[in-house]
């Protein structure tokens, strides 16, 4: 079976356009999130950056 270009295209051009818009929206949301995360981490002092403390040094095995 040979794949032709017309087989790979969407039958409805609106579907193709909507999937492009959804992809761009996801990209926009992720890029804004990562930019804000970078700004917050830049402005936050180093000792407050960890989300959960590392308690491995407090554990004692008897």
N, C-alpha and C. Protein backbone atom coordinates (compact mmCIF):
# COMPACT_ATOMS: atom_id res chain seq x y z
N UNK A 1 0.84 -1.18 0.00
CA UNK A 1 0.00 0.00 0.00
C UNK A 1 0.89 1.24 0.00
N UNK A 2 0.63 2.12 -0.91
CA UNK A 2 1.41 3.34 -1.04
C UNK A 2 0.63 4.49 -0.43
N UNK A 3 1.31 5.24 0.44
CA UNK A 3 0.66 6.42 1.03
C UNK A 3 0.85 7.60 0.11
N UNK A 4 -0.23 8.24 -0.18
CA UNK A 4 -0.17 9.44 -1.01
C UNK A 4 -0.41 10.65 -0.13
N UNK A 5 -0.06 11.81 -0.63
CA UNK A 5 -0.20 13.03 0.14
C UNK A 5 -1.66 13.30 0.51
N UNK A 6 -2.56 12.98 -0.39
CA UNK A 6 -3.97 13.24 -0.10
C UNK A 6 -4.49 12.33 1.00
N UNK A 7 -3.86 11.16 1.20
CA UNK A 7 -4.27 10.26 2.28
C UNK A 7 -3.84 10.80 3.64
N UNK A 8 -2.75 11.54 3.65
CA UNK A 8 -2.23 12.04 4.92
C UNK A 8 -2.88 13.34 5.35
N UNK A 9 -3.52 14.04 4.44
CA UNK A 9 -4.17 15.30 4.78
C UNK A 9 -5.52 15.05 5.43
N UNK A 10 -5.95 16.01 6.19
CA UNK A 10 -7.27 15.92 6.79
C UNK A 10 -8.33 16.08 5.70
N UNK A 11 -9.43 15.39 5.87
CA UNK A 11 -10.51 15.54 4.91
C UNK A 11 -11.17 16.90 5.05
N UNK A 12 -11.26 17.37 6.28
CA UNK A 12 -11.89 18.65 6.53
C UNK A 12 -10.81 19.67 6.89
N UNK A 13 -10.65 20.74 6.14
CA UNK A 13 -9.62 21.74 6.45
C UNK A 13 -9.83 22.40 7.81
N UNK A 14 -11.07 22.46 8.28
CA UNK A 14 -11.34 23.04 9.59
C UNK A 14 -10.70 22.22 10.70
N UNK A 15 -10.68 20.90 10.56
CA UNK A 15 -10.02 20.04 11.55
C UNK A 15 -8.53 20.36 11.64
N UNK A 16 -7.92 20.55 10.50
CA UNK A 16 -6.50 20.88 10.47
C UNK A 16 -6.24 22.23 11.13
N UNK A 17 -7.06 23.20 10.83
CA UNK A 17 -6.91 24.53 11.41
C UNK A 17 -7.14 24.51 12.92
N UNK A 18 -8.15 23.77 13.38
CA UNK A 18 -8.43 23.70 14.82
C UNK A 18 -7.32 22.98 15.57
N UNK A 19 -6.75 21.95 14.98
CA UNK A 19 -5.64 21.26 15.65
C UNK A 19 -4.41 22.16 15.72
N UNK A 20 -4.21 22.99 14.70
CA UNK A 20 -3.12 23.96 14.74
C UNK A 20 -3.35 24.99 15.84
N UNK A 21 -4.57 25.48 15.97
CA UNK A 21 -4.88 26.44 17.03
C UNK A 21 -4.69 25.84 18.42
N UNK A 22 -5.10 24.59 18.58
CA UNK A 22 -4.94 23.92 19.88
C UNK A 22 -3.46 23.75 20.19
N UNK A 23 -2.66 23.35 19.20
CA UNK A 23 -1.22 23.21 19.41
C UNK A 23 -0.58 24.55 19.78
N UNK A 24 -0.98 25.61 19.11
CA UNK A 24 -0.42 26.93 19.43
C UNK A 24 -0.85 27.39 20.82
N UNK A 25 -2.08 27.09 21.21
CA UNK A 25 -2.55 27.46 22.54
C UNK A 25 -1.77 26.72 23.63
N UNK A 26 -1.54 25.43 23.42
CA UNK A 26 -0.76 24.65 24.38
C UNK A 26 0.66 25.18 24.46
N UNK A 27 1.26 25.50 23.32
CA UNK A 27 2.61 26.06 23.32
C UNK A 27 2.66 27.38 24.06
N UNK A 28 1.66 28.24 23.85
CA UNK A 28 1.61 29.54 24.51
C UNK A 28 1.49 29.38 26.02
N UNK A 29 0.61 28.50 26.47
CA UNK A 29 0.42 28.30 27.91
C UNK A 29 1.69 27.75 28.54
N UNK A 30 2.32 26.78 27.90
CA UNK A 30 3.55 26.21 28.46
C UNK A 30 4.68 27.22 28.48
N UNK A 31 4.81 28.02 27.44
CA UNK A 31 5.90 29.00 27.41
C UNK A 31 5.70 30.08 28.46
N UNK A 32 4.46 30.52 28.67
CA UNK A 32 4.20 31.51 29.72
C UNK A 32 4.48 30.90 31.09
N UNK A 33 4.08 29.65 31.30
CA UNK A 33 4.32 28.98 32.58
C UNK A 33 5.82 28.88 32.86
N UNK A 34 6.60 28.44 31.88
CA UNK A 34 8.04 28.30 32.10
C UNK A 34 8.73 29.65 32.27
N UNK A 35 8.25 30.66 31.59
CA UNK A 35 8.82 32.00 31.78
C UNK A 35 8.53 32.51 33.19
N UNK A 36 7.31 32.33 33.66
CA UNK A 36 6.97 32.75 35.03
C UNK A 36 7.73 31.94 36.07
N UNK A 37 7.90 30.64 35.81
CA UNK A 37 8.67 29.80 36.73
C UNK A 37 10.12 30.28 36.81
N UNK A 38 10.69 30.65 35.69
CA UNK A 38 12.06 31.16 35.67
C UNK A 38 12.17 32.46 36.46
N UNK A 39 11.21 33.33 36.29
CA UNK A 39 11.23 34.61 37.02
C UNK A 39 11.10 34.36 38.52
N UNK A 40 10.19 33.49 38.92
CA UNK A 40 10.00 33.21 40.34
C UNK A 40 11.24 32.58 40.94
N UNK A 41 11.85 31.62 40.23
CA UNK A 41 13.05 30.98 40.77
C UNK A 41 14.23 31.95 40.80
N UNK A 42 14.26 32.89 39.91
CA UNK A 42 15.34 33.89 39.92
C UNK A 42 15.19 34.83 41.11
N UNK A 43 13.98 35.18 41.44
CA UNK A 43 13.75 36.12 42.53
C UNK A 43 13.70 35.47 43.91
N UNK A 44 13.57 34.14 43.95
CA UNK A 44 13.48 33.43 45.23
C UNK A 44 14.88 33.10 45.73
N UNK A 45 15.16 33.36 47.00
CA UNK A 45 16.46 32.96 47.56
C UNK A 45 16.65 31.44 47.49
N UNK A 46 17.90 31.03 47.45
CA UNK A 46 18.22 29.62 47.21
C UNK A 46 17.65 28.70 48.29
N UNK A 47 17.66 29.12 49.55
CA UNK A 47 17.21 28.22 50.62
C UNK A 47 15.70 27.97 50.57
N UNK A 48 14.94 28.80 49.86
CA UNK A 48 13.50 28.60 49.77
C UNK A 48 13.07 27.93 48.48
N UNK A 49 14.00 27.53 47.62
CA UNK A 49 13.64 26.97 46.32
C UNK A 49 13.15 25.53 46.40
N UNK A 50 13.58 24.78 47.40
CA UNK A 50 13.19 23.38 47.49
C UNK A 50 11.72 23.28 47.88
N UNK A 51 10.98 22.47 47.15
CA UNK A 51 9.56 22.33 47.43
C UNK A 51 9.32 21.46 48.65
N UNK A 52 10.11 20.41 48.82
CA UNK A 52 10.00 19.57 50.00
C UNK A 52 11.40 19.37 50.57
N UNK A 53 11.51 19.38 51.88
CA UNK A 53 12.84 19.27 52.49
C UNK A 53 13.43 17.87 52.33
N UNK A 54 14.73 17.83 52.29
CA UNK A 54 15.44 16.57 52.21
C UNK A 54 15.68 16.09 53.63
N UNK A 55 14.95 15.06 54.05
CA UNK A 55 15.02 14.58 55.43
C UNK A 55 15.94 13.37 55.57
N UNK A 56 16.70 13.05 54.56
CA UNK A 56 17.52 11.84 54.61
C UNK A 56 18.61 11.95 55.68
N UNK A 57 19.09 13.17 55.96
CA UNK A 57 20.13 13.31 56.96
C UNK A 57 19.57 13.19 58.38
N UNK A 58 18.26 13.30 58.56
CA UNK A 58 17.65 13.20 59.88
C UNK A 58 17.26 11.77 60.22
N UNK A 59 17.24 10.89 59.24
CA UNK A 59 16.83 9.52 59.50
C UNK A 59 17.98 8.76 60.15
N UNK A 60 17.67 8.08 61.24
CA UNK A 60 18.67 7.26 61.92
C UNK A 60 18.15 5.84 61.95
N UNK A 61 19.02 4.91 61.58
CA UNK A 61 18.64 3.51 61.60
C UNK A 61 19.25 2.86 62.83
N UNK A 62 18.42 2.17 63.59
CA UNK A 62 18.89 1.51 64.82
C UNK A 62 19.08 0.04 64.59
